[in-house]
Amino acid sequence: MRALGDLEAAVMDVIWRADEPLAVRRVLEQVRRDPPLAYTTIQTVMDNLHKKNVLQRRREGRAFVYWPVKQRADFTADLMNELLTDSGDRSMTLLRFVDKVSRSELRRLKKALTDD
C-alpha cells in the first residue's frame, strides 16, 4: 500500500462519498479539474486503482462499476500503520503524531484505549 496520488485521491474521494458502485462516467462528472479531464484519464486511474487492489469492480452492460475495497478510515489507518512501520522508530513517530493531534482527538484516543 502507498499514499494516493493527487488524481487518485480525487477519484477515491468521489468513490468513498458514493452510496453505490459508480461507473467511470459518474466519477468523471464529479471530479472537477481545469481543464476538464478526459474520460480515458479517469478510466485509466480507476483501472490502476483496481490493479492496486484499492477498488473492486464488476461489469454492468458495457461498462464496469467500481466500489472501494476498504472504507476511507480503514484505508487511512492501514496507511498510517505502514508509515509508522517505515519510519525507523515507530514509537518516536507515534509520539510526535500524538503531539500534533487536537485535545478533543486526544481525549477520544484516551477513551478508546481505556474502554473495554
PDB file of N, CA and C in Angstrom:
ATOM      1  N   MET A   1       0.835  -1.176   0.000  1.00  0.00           N
ATOM      2  CA  MET A   1       0.000   0.000   0.000  1.00  0.00           C
ATOM      3  C   MET A   1       0.881   1.241   0.000  1.00  0.00           C
ATOM      4  N   ARG A   2       0.397   2.280  -0.601  1.00  0.00           N
ATOM      5  CA  ARG A   2       1.114   3.538  -0.574  1.00  0.00           C
ATOM      6  C   ARG A   2       0.109   4.666  -0.658  1.00  0.00           C
ATOM      7  N   ALA A   3       0.567   5.862  -0.385  1.00  0.00           N
ATOM      8  CA  ALA A   3      -0.310   7.020  -0.443  1.00  0.00           C
ATOM      9  C   ALA A   3      -0.824   7.201  -1.867  1.00  0.00           C
ATOM     10  N   LEU A   4      -1.978   7.790  -1.980  1.00  0.00           N
ATOM     11  CA  LEU A   4      -2.578   8.024  -3.283  1.00  0.00           C
ATOM     12  C   LEU A   4      -2.010   9.287  -3.912  1.00  0.00           C
ATOM     13  N   GLY A   5      -1.881   9.263  -5.226  1.00  0.00           N
ATOM     14  CA  GLY A   5      -1.513  10.464  -5.957  1.00  0.00           C
ATOM     15  C   GLY A   5      -2.681  11.446  -5.955  1.00  0.00           C
ATOM     16  N   ASP A   6      -2.448  12.643  -6.448  1.00  0.00           N
ATOM     17  CA  ASP A   6      -3.464  13.694  -6.435  1.00  0.00           C
ATOM     18  C   ASP A   6      -4.742  13.293  -7.163  1.00  0.00           C
ATOM     19  N   LEU A   7      -4.618  12.777  -8.361  1.00  0.00           N
ATOM     20  CA  LEU A   7      -5.797  12.384  -9.133  1.00  0.00           C
ATOM     21  C   LEU A   7      -6.440  11.125  -8.550  1.00  0.00           C
ATOM     22  N   GLU A   8      -5.620  10.196  -8.082  1.00  0.00           N
ATOM     23  CA  GLU A   8      -6.165   9.012  -7.413  1.00  0.00           C
ATOM     24  C   GLU A   8      -6.981   9.417  -6.194  1.00  0.00           C
ATOM     25  N   ALA A   9      -6.468  10.359  -5.424  1.00  0.00           N
ATOM     26  CA  ALA A   9      -7.178  10.825  -4.230  1.00  0.00           C
ATOM     27  C   ALA A   9      -8.498  11.490  -4.604  1.00  0.00           C
ATOM     28  N   ALA A  10      -8.517  12.265  -5.685  1.00  0.00           N
ATOM     29  CA  ALA A  10      -9.755  12.913  -6.136  1.00  0.00           C
ATOM     30  C   ALA A  10     -10.789  11.868  -6.548  1.00  0.00           C
ATOM     31  N   VAL A  11     -10.346  10.839  -7.263  1.00  0.00           N
ATOM     32  CA  VAL A  11     -11.248   9.759  -7.669  1.00  0.00           C
ATOM     33  C   VAL A  11     -11.760   9.019  -6.438  1.00  0.00           C
ATOM     34  N   MET A  12     -10.866   8.680  -5.522  1.00  0.00           N
ATOM     35  CA  MET A  12     -11.293   7.943  -4.330  1.00  0.00           C
ATOM     36  C   MET A  12     -12.220   8.763  -3.456  1.00  0.00           C
ATOM     37  N   ASP A  13     -12.042  10.076  -3.407  1.00  0.00           N
ATOM     38  CA  ASP A  13     -12.960  10.916  -2.642  1.00  0.00           C
ATOM     39  C   ASP A  13     -14.381  10.774  -3.187  1.00  0.00           C
ATOM     40  N   VAL A  14     -14.523  10.772  -4.498  1.00  0.00           N
ATOM     41  CA  VAL A  14     -15.835  10.581  -5.116  1.00  0.00           C
ATOM     42  C   VAL A  14     -16.377   9.193  -4.789  1.00  0.00           C
ATOM     43  N   ILE A  15     -15.549   8.182  -4.930  1.00  0.00           N
ATOM     44  CA  ILE A  15     -15.971   6.794  -4.670  1.00  0.00           C
ATOM     45  C   ILE A  15     -16.377   6.617  -3.213  1.00  0.00           C
ATOM     46  N   TRP A  16     -15.569   7.144  -2.280  1.00  0.00           N
ATOM     47  CA  TRP A  16     -15.872   6.975  -0.858  1.00  0.00           C
ATOM     48  C   TRP A  16     -17.145   7.718  -0.455  1.00  0.00           C
ATOM     49  N   ARG A  17     -17.468   8.802  -1.111  1.00  0.00           N
ATOM     50  CA  ARG A  17     -18.689   9.544  -0.778  1.00  0.00           C
ATOM     51  C   ARG A  17     -19.945   8.897  -1.360  1.00  0.00           C
ATOM     52  N   ALA A  18     -19.776   8.024  -2.340  1.00  0.00           N
ATOM     53  CA  ALA A  18     -20.920   7.408  -3.011  1.00  0.00           C
ATOM     54  C   ALA A  18     -21.563   6.342  -2.140  1.00  0.00           C
ATOM     55  N   ASP A  19     -22.865   6.176  -2.324  1.00  0.00           N
ATOM     56  CA  ASP A  19     -23.568   5.129  -1.584  1.00  0.00           C
ATOM     57  C   ASP A  19     -23.883   3.921  -2.467  1.00  0.00           C
ATOM     58  N   GLU A  20     -23.247   3.889  -3.645  1.00  0.00           N
ATOM     59  CA  GLU A  20     -23.424   2.774  -4.568  1.00  0.00           C
ATOM     60  C   GLU A  20     -22.200   2.701  -5.482  1.00  0.00           C
ATOM     61  N   PRO A  21     -21.982   1.556  -6.121  1.00  0.00           N
ATOM     62  CA  PRO A  21     -20.879   1.472  -7.082  1.00  0.00           C
ATOM     63  C   PRO A  21     -21.070   2.488  -8.212  1.00  0.00           C
ATOM     64  N   LEU A  22     -19.956   3.034  -8.706  1.00  0.00           N
ATOM     65  CA  LEU A  22     -20.016   4.071  -9.728  1.00  0.00           C
ATOM     66  C   LEU A  22     -19.278   3.658 -10.989  1.00  0.00           C
ATOM     67  N   ALA A  23     -19.833   4.051 -12.129  1.00  0.00           N
ATOM     68  CA  ALA A  23     -19.173   3.892 -13.414  1.00  0.00           C
ATOM     69  C   ALA A  23     -18.216   5.062 -13.624  1.00  0.00           C
ATOM     70  N   VAL A  24     -17.299   4.900 -14.546  1.00  0.00           N
ATOM     71  CA  VAL A  24     -16.311   5.934 -14.843  1.00  0.00           C
ATOM     72  C   VAL A  24     -17.000   7.262 -15.152  1.00  0.00           C
ATOM     73  N   ARG A  25     -18.037   7.239 -15.971  1.00  0.00           N
ATOM     74  CA  ARG A  25     -18.740   8.471 -16.368  1.00  0.00           C
ATOM     75  C   ARG A  25     -19.238   9.245 -15.147  1.00  0.00           C
ATOM     76  N   ARG A  26     -19.797   8.542 -14.164  1.00  0.00           N
ATOM     77  CA  ARG A  26     -20.304   9.215 -12.951  1.00  0.00           C
ATOM     78  C   ARG A  26     -19.170   9.847 -12.155  1.00  0.00           C
ATOM     79  N   VAL A  27     -18.021   9.167 -12.084  1.00  0.00           N
ATOM     80  CA  VAL A  27     -16.864   9.732 -11.382  1.00  0.00           C
ATOM     81  C   VAL A  27     -16.357  10.954 -12.139  1.00  0.00           C
ATOM     82  N   LEU A  28     -16.246  10.840 -13.449  1.00  0.00           N
ATOM     83  CA  LEU A  28     -15.786  11.957 -14.279  1.00  0.00           C
ATOM     84  C   LEU A  28     -16.647  13.200 -14.062  1.00  0.00           C
ATOM     85  N   GLU A  29     -17.950  13.016 -13.942  1.00  0.00           N
ATOM     86  CA  GLU A  29     -18.872  14.144 -13.731  1.00  0.00           C
ATOM     87  C   GLU A  29     -18.612  14.866 -12.410  1.00  0.00           C
ATOM     88  N   GLN A  30     -18.033  14.170 -11.443  1.00  0.00           N
ATOM     89  CA  GLN A  30     -17.849  14.746 -10.108  1.00  0.00           C
ATOM     90  C   GLN A  30     -16.426  15.217  -9.815  1.00  0.00           C
ATOM     91  N   VAL A  31     -15.465  14.814 -10.635  1.00  0.00           N
ATOM     92  CA  VAL A  31     -14.077  15.262 -10.450  1.00  0.00           C
ATOM     93  C   VAL A  31     -13.927  16.579 -11.201  1.00  0.00           C
ATOM     94  N   ARG A  32     -13.748  17.653 -10.453  1.00  0.00           N
ATOM     95  CA  ARG A  32     -13.660  18.989 -11.046  1.00  0.00           C
ATOM     96  C   ARG A  32     -12.206  19.375 -11.256  1.00  0.00           C
ATOM     97  N   ARG A  33     -11.821  19.569 -12.495  1.00  0.00           N
ATOM     98  CA  ARG A  33     -10.465  19.994 -12.839  1.00  0.00           C
ATOM     99  C   ARG A  33     -10.550  21.014 -13.960  1.00  0.00           C
ATOM    100  N   ASP A  34      -9.575  21.885 -14.006  1.00  0.00           N
ATOM    101  CA  ASP A  34      -9.486  22.860 -15.077  1.00  0.00           C
ATOM    102  C   ASP A  34      -8.114  22.745 -15.716  1.00  0.00           C
ATOM    103  N   PRO A  35      -7.996  22.317 -16.937  1.00  0.00           N
ATOM    104  CA  PRO A  35      -9.085  21.978 -17.856  1.00  0.00           C
ATOM    105  C   PRO A  35      -9.730  20.640 -17.481  1.00  0.00           C
ATOM    106  N   PRO A  36     -10.956  20.411 -17.943  1.00  0.00           N
ATOM    107  CA  PRO A  36     -11.647  19.153 -17.635  1.00  0.00           C
ATOM    108  C   PRO A  36     -10.840  17.942 -18.109  1.00  0.00           C
ATOM    109  N   LEU A  37     -10.975  16.859 -17.361  1.00  0.00           N
ATOM    110  CA  LEU A  37     -10.251  15.628 -17.687  1.00  0.00           C
ATOM    111  C   LEU A  37     -10.994  14.811 -18.737  1.00  0.00           C
ATOM    112  N   ALA A  38     -10.258  14.007 -19.456  1.00  0.00           N
ATOM    113  CA  ALA A  38     -10.850  13.105 -20.447  1.00  0.00           C
ATOM    114  C   ALA A  38     -11.397  11.859 -19.743  1.00  0.00           C
ATOM    115  N   TYR A  39     -12.412  11.280 -20.353  1.00  0.00           N
ATOM    116  CA  TYR A  39     -12.993  10.031 -19.859  1.00  0.00           C
ATOM    117  C   TYR A  39     -11.901   8.980 -19.694  1.00  0.00           C
ATOM    118  N   THR A  40     -11.023   8.871 -20.686  1.00  0.00           N
ATOM    119  CA  THR A  40      -9.989   7.833 -20.656  1.00  0.00           C
ATOM    120  C   THR A  40      -8.990   8.046 -19.521  1.00  0.00           C
ATOM    121  N   THR A  41      -8.802   9.296 -19.106  1.00  0.00           N
ATOM    122  CA  THR A  41      -7.902   9.572 -17.980  1.00  0.00           C
ATOM    123  C   THR A  41      -8.476   8.979 -16.701  1.00  0.00           C
ATOM    124  N   ILE A  42      -9.753   9.251 -16.443  1.00  0.00           N
ATOM    125  CA  ILE A  42     -10.405   8.711 -15.240  1.00  0.00           C
ATOM    126  C   ILE A  42     -10.486   7.195 -15.335  1.00  0.00           C
ATOM    127  N   GLN A  43     -10.772   6.678 -16.516  1.00  0.00           N
ATOM    128  CA  GLN A  43     -10.841   5.228 -16.717  1.00  0.00           C
ATOM    129  C   GLN A  43      -9.497   4.574 -16.380  1.00  0.00           C
ATOM    130  N   THR A  44      -8.420   5.175 -16.824  1.00  0.00           N
ATOM    131  CA  THR A  44      -7.087   4.640 -16.546  1.00  0.00           C
ATOM    132  C   THR A  44      -6.780   4.681 -15.053  1.00  0.00           C
ATOM    133  N   VAL A  45      -7.101   5.787 -14.400  1.00  0.00           N
ATOM    134  CA  VAL A  45      -6.862   5.917 -12.960  1.00  0.00           C
ATOM    135  C   VAL A  45      -7.646   4.845 -12.203  1.00  0.00           C
ATOM    136  N   MET A  46      -8.919   4.674 -12.564  1.00  0.00           N
ATOM    137  CA  MET A  46      -9.740   3.682 -11.870  1.00  0.00           C
ATOM    138  C   MET A  46      -9.265   2.261 -12.149  1.00  0.00           C
ATOM    139  N   ASP A  47      -8.812   1.991 -13.363  1.00  0.00           N
ATOM    140  CA  ASP A  47      -8.256   0.676 -13.674  1.00  0.00           C
ATOM    141  C   ASP A  47      -6.985   0.436 -12.861  1.00  0.00           C
ATOM    142  N   ASN A  48      -6.140   1.449 -12.757  1.00  0.00           N
ATOM    143  CA  ASN A  48      -4.918   1.319 -11.944  1.00  0.00           C
ATOM    144  C   ASN A  48      -5.254   1.089 -10.472  1.00  0.00           C
ATOM    145  N   LEU A  49      -6.252   1.795  -9.948  1.00  0.00           N
ATOM    146  CA  LEU A  49      -6.664   1.593  -8.555  1.00  0.00           C
ATOM    147  C   LEU A  49      -7.223   0.179  -8.355  1.00  0.00           C
ATOM    148  N   HIS A  50      -7.874  -0.352  -9.362  1.00  0.00           N
ATOM    149  CA  HIS A  50      -8.343  -1.739  -9.294  1.00  0.00           C
ATOM    150  C   HIS A  50      -7.154  -2.701  -9.259  1.00  0.00           C
ATOM    151  N   LYS A  51      -6.161  -2.458 -10.115  1.00  0.00           N
ATOM    152  CA  LYS A  51      -4.968  -3.313 -10.147  1.00  0.00           C
ATOM    153  C   LYS A  51      -4.192  -3.234  -8.831  1.00  0.00           C
ATOM    154  N   LYS A  52      -4.250  -2.087  -8.152  1.00  0.00           N
ATOM    155  CA  LYS A  52      -3.576  -1.911  -6.859  1.00  0.00           C
ATOM    156  C   LYS A  52      -4.424  -2.426  -5.694  1.00  0.00           C
ATOM    157  N   ASN A  53      -5.577  -3.029  -6.009  1.00  0.00           N
ATOM    158  CA  ASN A  53      -6.497  -3.569  -5.008  1.00  0.00           C
ATOM    159  C   ASN A  53      -7.062  -2.488  -4.077  1.00  0.00           C
ATOM    160  N   VAL A  54      -7.282  -1.304  -4.617  1.00  0.00           N
ATOM    161  CA  VAL A  54      -7.936  -0.226  -3.874  1.00  0.00           C
ATOM    162  C   VAL A  54      -9.415  -0.194  -4.250  1.00  0.00           C
ATOM    163  N   LEU A  55      -9.723  -0.559  -5.493  1.00  0.00           N
ATOM    164  CA  LEU A  55     -11.105  -0.627  -5.975  1.00  0.00           C
ATOM    165  C   LEU A  55     -11.445  -2.047  -6.406  1.00  0.00           C
ATOM    166  N   GLN A  56     -12.702  -2.406  -6.223  1.00  0.00           N
ATOM    167  CA  GLN A  56     -13.255  -3.629  -6.795  1.00  0.00           C
ATOM    168  C   GLN A  56     -14.146  -3.201  -7.955  1.00  0.00           C
ATOM    169  N   ARG A  57     -14.445  -4.127  -8.858  1.00  0.00           N
ATOM    170  CA  ARG A  57     -15.322  -3.782  -9.972  1.00  0.00           C
ATOM    171  C   ARG A  57     -16.081  -4.998 -10.475  1.00  0.00           C
ATOM    172  N   ARG A  58     -17.167  -4.701 -11.185  1.00  0.00           N
ATOM    173  CA  ARG A  58     -17.928  -5.733 -11.892  1.00  0.00           C
ATOM    174  C   ARG A  58     -18.493  -5.089 -13.160  1.00  0.00           C
ATOM    175  N   ARG A  59     -18.700  -5.902 -14.135  1.00  0.00           N
ATOM    176  CA  ARG A  59     -19.231  -5.408 -15.403  1.00  0.00           C
ATOM    177  C   ARG A  59     -20.748  -5.247 -15.276  1.00  0.00           C
ATOM    178  N   GLU A  60     -21.237  -4.103 -15.725  1.00  0.00           N
ATOM    179  CA  GLU A  60     -22.673  -3.861 -15.860  1.00  0.00           C
ATOM    180  C   GLU A  60     -22.901  -3.338 -17.266  1.00  0.00           C
ATOM    181  N   GLY A  61     -23.444  -4.194 -18.107  1.00  0.00           N
ATOM    182  CA  GLY A  61     -23.590  -3.818 -19.510  1.00  0.00           C
ATOM    183  C   GLY A  61     -22.223  -3.769 -20.168  1.00  0.00           C
ATOM    184  N   ARG A  62     -21.933  -2.635 -20.798  1.00  0.00           N
ATOM    185  CA  ARG A  62     -20.652  -2.489 -21.494  1.00  0.00           C
ATOM    186  C   ARG A  62     -19.582  -1.845 -20.620  1.00  0.00           C
ATOM    187  N   ALA A  63     -19.948  -1.404 -19.439  1.00  0.00           N
ATOM    188  CA  ALA A  63     -19.000  -0.681 -18.579  1.00  0.00           C
ATOM    189  C   ALA A  63     -18.824  -1.417 -17.255  1.00  0.00           C
ATOM    190  N   PHE A  64     -17.778  -1.039 -16.549  1.00  0.00           N
ATOM    191  CA  PHE A  64     -17.569  -1.523 -15.191  1.00  0.00           C
ATOM    192  C   PHE A  64     -18.137  -0.507 -14.214  1.00  0.00           C
ATOM    193  N   VAL A  65     -18.563  -1.001 -13.069  1.00  0.00           N
ATOM    194  CA  VAL A  65     -18.852  -0.132 -11.925  1.00  0.00           C
ATOM    195  C   VAL A  65     -17.851  -0.498 -10.836  1.00  0.00           C
ATOM    196  N   TYR A  66     -17.471   0.507 -10.061  1.00  0.00           N
ATOM    197  CA  TYR A  66     -16.395   0.373  -9.081  1.00  0.00           C
ATOM    198  C   TYR A  66     -16.877   0.750  -7.691  1.00  0.00           C
ATOM    199  N   TRP A  67     -16.282   0.126  -6.675  1.00  0.00           N
ATOM    200  CA  TRP A  67     -16.526   0.465  -5.283  1.00  0.00           C
ATOM    201  C   TRP A  67     -15.239   0.196  -4.510  1.00  0.00           C
ATOM    202  N   PRO A  68     -15.081   0.819  -3.339  1.00  0.00           N
ATOM    203  CA  PRO A  68     -13.818   0.685  -2.605  1.00  0.00           C
ATOM    204  C   PRO A  68     -13.661  -0.686  -1.949  1.00  0.00           C
ATOM    205  N   VAL A  69     -12.426  -1.155  -1.928  1.00  0.00           N
ATOM    206  CA  VAL A  69     -12.100  -2.383  -1.200  1.00  0.00           C
ATOM    207  C   VAL A  69     -12.245  -2.119   0.298  1.00  0.00           C
ATOM    208  N   LYS A  70     -11.800  -0.934   0.732  1.00  0.00           N
ATOM    209  CA  LYS A  70     -11.870  -0.539   2.142  1.00  0.00           C
ATOM    210  C   LYS A  70     -12.513   0.838   2.239  1.00  0.00           C
ATOM    211  N   GLN A  71     -13.186   1.063   3.337  1.00  0.00           N
ATOM    212  CA  GLN A  71     -13.706   2.403   3.587  1.00  0.00           C
ATOM    213  C   GLN A  71     -12.540   3.339   3.871  1.00  0.00           C
ATOM    214  N   ARG A  72     -12.792   4.643   3.740  1.00  0.00           N
ATOM    215  CA  ARG A  72     -11.733   5.647   3.875  1.00  0.00           C
ATOM    216  C   ARG A  72     -10.965   5.508   5.190  1.00  0.00           C
ATOM    217  N   ALA A  73     -11.660   5.351   6.310  1.00  0.00           N
ATOM    218  CA  ALA A  73     -10.991   5.276   7.615  1.00  0.00           C
ATOM    219  C   ALA A  73     -10.083   4.051   7.703  1.00  0.00           C
ATOM    220  N   ASP A  74     -10.533   2.920   7.176  1.00  0.00           N
ATOM    221  CA  ASP A  74      -9.713   1.709   7.202  1.00  0.00           C
ATOM    222  C   ASP A  74      -8.486   1.848   6.302  1.00  0.00           C
ATOM    223  N   PHE A  75      -8.678   2.433   5.115  1.00  0.00           N
ATOM    224  CA  PHE A  75      -7.556   2.660   4.204  1.00  0.00           C
ATOM    225  C   PHE A  75      -6.522   3.565   4.867  1.00  0.00           C
ATOM    226  N   THR A  76      -7.000   4.643   5.471  1.00  0.00           N
ATOM    227  CA  THR A  76      -6.099   5.605   6.109  1.00  0.00           C
ATOM    228  C   THR A  76      -5.382   4.981   7.296  1.00  0.00           C
ATOM    229  N   ALA A  77      -6.089   4.196   8.096  1.00  0.00           N
ATOM    230  CA  ALA A  77      -5.459   3.535   9.244  1.00  0.00           C
ATOM    231  C   ALA A  77      -4.361   2.579   8.791  1.00  0.00           C
ATOM    232  N   ASP A  78      -4.626   1.827   7.728  1.00  0.00           N
ATOM    233  CA  ASP A  78      -3.603   0.915   7.199  1.00  0.00           C
ATOM    234  C   ASP A  78      -2.396   1.690   6.677  1.00  0.00           C
ATOM    235  N   LEU A  79      -2.646   2.802   6.020  1.00  0.00           N
ATOM    236  CA  LEU A  79      -1.559   3.635   5.515  1.00  0.00           C
ATOM    237  C   LEU A  79      -0.744   4.218   6.665  1.00  0.00           C
ATOM    238  N   MET A  80      -1.423   4.693   7.710  1.00  0.00           N
ATOM    239  CA  MET A  80      -0.717   5.216   8.884  1.00  0.00           C
ATOM    240  C   MET A  80       0.142   4.141   9.525  1.00  0.00           C
ATOM    241  N   ASN A  81      -0.388   2.931   9.628  1.00  0.00           N
ATOM    242  CA  ASN A  81       0.373   1.823  10.206  1.00  0.00           C
ATOM    243  C   ASN A  81       1.622   1.537   9.377  1.00  0.00           C
ATOM    244  N   GLU A  82       1.478   1.558   8.058  1.00  0.00           N
ATOM    245  CA  GLU A  82       2.630   1.325   7.189  1.00  0.00           C
ATOM    246  C   GLU A  82       3.670   2.429   7.355  1.00  0.00           C
ATOM    247  N   LEU A  83       3.212   3.669   7.436  1.00  0.00           N
ATOM    248  CA  LEU A  83       4.136   4.788   7.617  1.00  0.00           C
ATOM    249  C   LEU A  83       4.859   4.692   8.959  1.00  0.00           C
ATOM    250  N   LEU A  84       4.143   4.294  10.004  1.00  0.00           N
ATOM    251  CA  LEU A  84       4.784   4.111  11.303  1.00  0.00           C
ATOM    252  C   LEU A  84       5.859   3.032  11.226  1.00  0.00           C
ATOM    253  N   THR A  85       5.549   1.946  10.567  1.00  0.00           N
ATOM    254  CA  THR A  85       6.499   0.843  10.425  1.00  0.00           C
ATOM    255  C   THR A  85       7.737   1.276   9.639  1.00  0.00           C
ATOM    256  N   ASP A  86       7.521   2.070   8.601  1.00  0.00           N
ATOM    257  CA  ASP A  86       8.623   2.513   7.748  1.00  0.00           C
ATOM    258  C   ASP A  86       9.427   3.674   8.340  1.00  0.00           C
ATOM    259  N   SER A  87       8.976   4.228   9.444  1.00  0.00           N
ATOM    260  CA  SER A  87       9.592   5.444   9.986  1.00  0.00           C
ATOM    261  C   SER A  87      10.977   5.206  10.602  1.00  0.00           C
ATOM    262  N   GLY A  88      11.284   3.978  10.923  1.00  0.00           N
ATOM    263  CA  GLY A  88      12.566   3.694  11.558  1.00  0.00           C
ATOM    264  C   GLY A  88      12.463   3.647  13.072  1.00  0.00           C
ATOM    265  N   ASP A  89      11.613   4.470  13.637  1.00  0.00           N
ATOM    266  CA  ASP A  89      11.385   4.477  15.086  1.00  0.00           C
ATOM    267  C   ASP A  89       9.893   4.685  15.303  1.00  0.00           C
ATOM    268  N   ARG A  90       9.182   3.569  15.275  1.00  0.00           N
ATOM    269  CA  ARG A  90       7.715   3.583  15.353  1.00  0.00           C
ATOM    270  C   ARG A  90       7.217   4.346  16.585  1.00  0.00           C
ATOM    271  N   SER A  91       7.798   4.083  17.740  1.00  0.00           N
ATOM    272  CA  SER A  91       7.346   4.724  18.976  1.00  0.00           C
ATOM    273  C   SER A  91       7.548   6.239  18.934  1.00  0.00           C
ATOM    274  N   MET A  92       8.722   6.683  18.504  1.00  0.00           N
ATOM    275  CA  MET A  92       9.002   8.114  18.450  1.00  0.00           C
ATOM    276  C   MET A  92       8.073   8.808  17.449  1.00  0.00           C
ATOM    277  N   THR A  93       7.854   8.178  16.313  1.00  0.00           N
ATOM    278  CA  THR A  93       6.959   8.760  15.308  1.00  0.00           C
ATOM    279  C   THR A  93       5.540   8.849  15.836  1.00  0.00           C
ATOM    280  N   LEU A  94       5.096   7.815  16.524  1.00  0.00           N
ATOM    281  CA  LEU A  94       3.755   7.823  17.105  1.00  0.00           C
ATOM    282  C   LEU A  94       3.624   8.930  18.152  1.00  0.00           C
ATOM    283  N   LEU A  95       4.640   9.097  18.989  1.00  0.00           N
ATOM    284  CA  LEU A  95       4.612  10.168  19.989  1.00  0.00           C
ATOM    285  C   LEU A  95       4.571  11.547  19.325  1.00  0.00           C
ATOM    286  N   ARG A  96       5.339  11.726  18.275  1.00  0.00           N
ATOM    287  CA  ARG A  96       5.316  13.004  17.537  1.00  0.00           C
ATOM    288  C   ARG A  96       3.943  13.255  16.933  1.00  0.00           C
ATOM    289  N   PHE A  97       3.323  12.199  16.435  1.00  0.00           N
ATOM    290  CA  PHE A  97       1.976  12.326  15.870  1.00  0.00           C
ATOM    291  C   PHE A  97       0.983  12.747  16.955  1.00  0.00           C
ATOM    292  N   VAL A  98       1.043  12.095  18.100  1.00  0.00           N
ATOM    293  CA  VAL A  98       0.128  12.412  19.198  1.00  0.00           C
ATOM    294  C   VAL A  98       0.313  13.856  19.655  1.00  0.00           C
ATOM    295  N   ASP A  99       1.532  14.371  19.600  1.00  0.00           N
ATOM    296  CA  ASP A  99       1.778  15.776  19.941  1.00  0.00           C
ATOM    297  C   ASP A  99       1.038  16.729  19.012  1.00  0.00           C
ATOM    298  N   LYS A 100       0.705  16.288  17.820  1.00  0.00           N
ATOM    299  CA  LYS A 100       0.091  17.157  16.824  1.00  0.00           C
ATOM    300  C   LYS A 100      -1.435  17.077  16.779  1.00  0.00           C
ATOM    301  N   VAL A 101      -2.027  16.121  17.482  1.00  0.00           N
ATOM    302  CA  VAL A 101      -3.484  15.993  17.441  1.00  0.00           C
ATOM    303  C   VAL A 101      -4.121  16.986  18.401  1.00  0.00           C
ATOM    304  N   SER A 102      -5.372  17.313  18.133  1.00  0.00           N
ATOM    305  CA  SER A 102      -6.095  18.269  18.974  1.00  0.00           C
ATOM    306  C   SER A 102      -6.423  17.645  20.330  1.00  0.00           C
ATOM    307  N   ARG A 103      -6.775  18.482  21.263  1.00  0.00           N
ATOM    308  CA  ARG A 103      -7.141  17.981  22.607  1.00  0.00           C
ATOM    309  C   ARG A 103      -8.366  17.077  22.545  1.00  0.00           C
ATOM    310  N   SER A 104      -9.344  17.428  21.720  1.00  0.00           N
ATOM    311  CA  SER A 104     -10.542  16.590  21.623  1.00  0.00           C
ATOM    312  C   SER A 104     -10.205  15.232  21.007  1.00  0.00           C
ATOM    313  N   GLU A 105      -9.310  15.208  20.017  1.00  0.00           N
ATOM    314  CA  GLU A 105      -8.886  13.937  19.432  1.00  0.00           C
ATOM    315  C   GLU A 105      -8.105  13.115  20.446  1.00  0.00           C
ATOM    316  N   LEU A 106      -7.293  13.783  21.245  1.00  0.00           N
ATOM    317  CA  LEU A 106      -6.523  13.090  22.271  1.00  0.00           C
ATOM    318  C   LEU A 106      -7.452  12.483  23.325  1.00  0.00           C
ATOM    319  N   ARG A 107      -8.497  13.216  23.711  1.00  0.00           N
ATOM    320  CA  ARG A 107      -9.477  12.660  24.665  1.00  0.00           C
ATOM    321  C   ARG A 107     -10.163  11.431  24.080  1.00  0.00           C
ATOM    322  N   ARG A 108     -10.539  11.485  22.793  1.00  0.00           N
ATOM    323  CA  ARG A 108     -11.181  10.338  22.154  1.00  0.00           C
ATOM    324  C   ARG A 108     -10.231   9.151  22.093  1.00  0.00           C
ATOM    325  N   LEU A 109      -8.976   9.421  21.822  1.00  0.00           N
ATOM    326  CA  LEU A 109      -7.973   8.356  21.768  1.00  0.00           C
ATOM    327  C   LEU A 109      -7.803   7.719  23.142  1.00  0.00           C
ATOM    328  N   LYS A 110      -7.684   8.541  24.183  1.00  0.00           N
ATOM    329  CA  LYS A 110      -7.548   8.001  25.533  1.00  0.00           C
ATOM    330  C   LYS A 110      -8.752   7.166  25.915  1.00  0.00           C
ATOM    331  N   LYS A 111      -9.955   7.657  25.574  1.00  0.00           N
ATOM    332  CA  LYS A 111     -11.171   6.909  25.882  1.00  0.00           C
ATOM    333  C   LYS A 111     -11.177   5.567  25.147  1.00  0.00           C
ATOM    334  N   ALA A 112     -10.794   5.579  23.885  1.00  0.00           N
ATOM    335  CA  ALA A 112     -10.756   4.330  23.115  1.00  0.00           C
ATOM    336  C   ALA A 112      -9.770   3.329  23.692  1.00  0.00           C
ATOM    337  N   LEU A 113      -8.652   3.832  24.231  1.00  0.00           N
ATOM    338  CA  LEU A 113      -7.637   2.952  24.796  1.00  0.00           C
ATOM    339  C   LEU A 113      -8.040   2.373  26.155  1.00  0.00           C
ATOM    340  N   THR A 114      -8.916   3.062  26.867  1.00  0.00           N
ATOM    341  CA  THR A 114      -9.291   2.595  28.202  1.00  0.00           C
ATOM    342  C   THR A 114     -10.630   1.856  28.223  1.00  0.00           C
ATOM    343  N   ASP A 115     -11.435   1.984  27.163  1.00  0.00           N
ATOM    344  CA  ASP A 115     -12.723   1.261  27.103  1.00  0.00           C
ATOM    345  C   ASP A 115     -12.471  -0.218  26.859  1.00  0.00           C
ATOM    346  N   ASP A 116     -13.277  -1.018  27.488  1.00  0.00           N
ATOM    347  CA  ASP A 116     -13.174  -2.484  27.303  1.00  0.00           C
ATOM    348  C   ASP A 116     -14.047  -2.946  26.187  1.00  0.00           C
TER     349      ASP A 116
END
